[in-house]
């Protein structure tokens, strides 16, 4: 059984002690981070980032945005 993530779980590097304050924005579907923080976590644009994971996330983002555009078009 997995718990559903209701908010971005990013706490940032500046928080060193408990209790942590998480971002809380709407997470990217299937992830625990929002669209802004997912790139921070996977270090987009750096050689230390996981290139395969970044490509997978970019593909998922494009699909979600496409589905949102379709939904907006259908609601007009």
C-alpha atoms as a PDB file:
ATOM      1  CA  UNK A   1       0.000   0.000   0.000  1.00  0.00           C
ATOM      2  CA  UNK A   2       1.421   3.395  -0.993  1.00  0.00           C
ATOM      3  CA  UNK A   3       0.475   6.749   0.419  1.00  0.00           C
ATOM      4  CA  UNK A   4      -0.759   9.436  -1.964  1.00  0.00           C
ATOM      5  CA  UNK A   5       1.444  12.521  -2.035  1.00  0.00           C
ATOM      6  CA  UNK A   6      -0.660  15.657  -1.596  1.00  0.00           C
ATOM      7  CA  UNK A   7       2.100  18.275  -1.778  1.00  0.00           C
ATOM      8  CA  UNK A   8       5.663  18.727  -3.017  1.00  0.00           C
ATOM      9  CA  UNK A   9       8.077  17.066  -0.566  1.00  0.00           C
ATOM     10  CA  UNK A  10      11.029  19.383  -1.305  1.00  0.00           C
ATOM     11  CA  UNK A  11      12.572  20.812   1.880  1.00  0.00           C
ATOM     12  CA  UNK A  12      15.569  22.631   0.396  1.00  0.00           C
ATOM     13  CA  UNK A  13      19.215  22.659   1.469  1.00  0.00           C
ATOM     14  CA  UNK A  14      18.812  25.507   3.964  1.00  0.00           C
ATOM     15  CA  UNK A  15      16.726  23.452   6.407  1.00  0.00           C
ATOM     16  CA  UNK A  16      19.093  21.548   8.665  1.00  0.00           C
ATOM     17  CA  UNK A  17      16.923  20.765  11.700  1.00  0.00           C
ATOM     18  CA  UNK A  18      13.541  19.194  12.351  1.00  0.00           C
ATOM     19  CA  UNK A  19      10.726  20.186  11.948  1.00  0.00           C
ATOM     20  CA  UNK A  20      11.130  20.668   8.209  1.00  0.00           C
ATOM     21  CA  UNK A  21       8.799  22.797   6.122  1.00  0.00           C
ATOM     22  CA  UNK A  22       8.026  21.260   2.752  1.00  0.00           C
ATOM     23  CA  UNK A  23       7.154  23.175  -0.422  1.00  0.00           C
ATOM     24  CA  UNK A  24       3.562  21.905  -0.489  1.00  0.00           C
ATOM     25  CA  UNK A  25       2.808  22.835  -4.127  1.00  0.00           C
ATOM     26  CA  UNK A  26       0.913  20.379  -6.319  1.00  0.00           C
ATOM     27  CA  UNK A  27       3.325  17.540  -7.141  1.00  0.00           C
ATOM     28  CA  UNK A  28       4.061  16.437 -10.673  1.00  0.00           C
ATOM     29  CA  UNK A  29       1.924  13.339 -11.434  1.00  0.00           C
ATOM     30  CA  UNK A  30       3.655  10.204 -10.186  1.00  0.00           C
ATOM     31  CA  UNK A  31       6.395  12.160  -8.374  1.00  0.00           C
ATOM     32  CA  UNK A  32       6.890  13.686  -4.933  1.00  0.00           C
ATOM     33  CA  UNK A  33       8.183  17.047  -6.210  1.00  0.00           C
ATOM     34  CA  UNK A  34       6.457  19.932  -8.021  1.00  0.00           C
ATOM     35  CA  UNK A  35       7.504  20.940 -11.542  1.00  0.00           C
ATOM     36  CA  UNK A  36       9.927  23.595 -10.236  1.00  0.00           C
ATOM     37  CA  UNK A  37      11.683  21.430  -7.663  1.00  0.00           C
ATOM     38  CA  UNK A  38      11.967  18.276  -9.762  1.00  0.00           C
ATOM     39  CA  UNK A  39      14.670  20.044 -11.792  1.00  0.00           C
ATOM     40  CA  UNK A  40      16.469  21.135  -8.622  1.00  0.00           C
ATOM     41  CA  UNK A  41      16.509  17.561  -7.351  1.00  0.00           C
ATOM     42  CA  UNK A  42      17.688  16.013 -10.640  1.00  0.00           C
ATOM     43  CA  UNK A  43      20.071  18.918 -11.447  1.00  0.00           C
ATOM     44  CA  UNK A  44      18.834  19.612 -14.983  1.00  0.00           C
ATOM     45  CA  UNK A  45      21.613  20.951 -17.183  1.00  0.00           C
ATOM     46  CA  UNK A  46      24.497  19.463 -15.216  1.00  0.00           C
ATOM     47  CA  UNK A  47      26.643  16.463 -15.948  1.00  0.00           C
ATOM     48  CA  UNK A  48      25.894  15.086 -12.487  1.00  0.00           C
ATOM     49  CA  UNK A  49      22.174  14.792 -13.295  1.00  0.00           C
ATOM     50  CA  UNK A  50      20.665  11.483 -14.301  1.00  0.00           C
ATOM     51  CA  UNK A  51      20.173  12.024 -18.041  1.00  0.00           C
ATOM     52  CA  UNK A  52      17.804   9.107 -18.523  1.00  0.00           C
ATOM     53  CA  UNK A  53      15.638  10.257 -15.606  1.00  0.00           C
ATOM     54  CA  UNK A  54      15.609  13.838 -16.924  1.00  0.00           C
ATOM     55  CA  UNK A  55      14.463  12.676 -20.381  1.00  0.00           C
ATOM     56  CA  UNK A  56      11.731  10.604 -18.748  1.00  0.00           C
ATOM     57  CA  UNK A  57      10.544  13.590 -16.688  1.00  0.00           C
ATOM     58  CA  UNK A  58      10.615  15.923 -19.711  1.00  0.00           C
ATOM     59  CA  UNK A  59       8.480  13.433 -21.634  1.00  0.00           C
ATOM     60  CA  UNK A  60       6.011  13.162 -18.731  1.00  0.00           C
ATOM     61  CA  UNK A  61       5.832  16.972 -18.399  1.00  0.00           C
ATOM     62  CA  UNK A  62       5.126  17.369 -22.110  1.00  0.00           C
ATOM     63  CA  UNK A  63       2.351  14.769 -21.918  1.00  0.00           C
ATOM     64  CA  UNK A  64       0.735  16.396 -18.875  1.00  0.00           C
ATOM     65  CA  UNK A  65       0.842  19.824 -20.520  1.00  0.00           C
ATOM     66  CA  UNK A  66      -0.644  18.370 -23.715  1.00  0.00           C
ATOM     67  CA  UNK A  67      -3.482  16.767 -21.738  1.00  0.00           C
ATOM     68  CA  UNK A  68      -4.133  20.081 -19.931  1.00  0.00           C
ATOM     69  CA  UNK A  69      -4.309  21.919 -23.262  1.00  0.00           C
ATOM     70  CA  UNK A  70      -6.780  19.343 -24.607  1.00  0.00           C
ATOM     71  CA  UNK A  71      -8.938  19.679 -21.475  1.00  0.00           C
ATOM     72  CA  UNK A  72      -8.920  23.483 -21.763  1.00  0.00           C
ATOM     73  CA  UNK A  73      -9.837  23.288 -25.443  1.00  0.00           C
ATOM     74  CA  UNK A  74     -12.717  20.890 -24.721  1.00  0.00           C
ATOM     75  CA  UNK A  75     -14.032  23.180 -21.955  1.00  0.00           C
ATOM     76  CA  UNK A  76     -14.268  26.213 -24.257  1.00  0.00           C
END
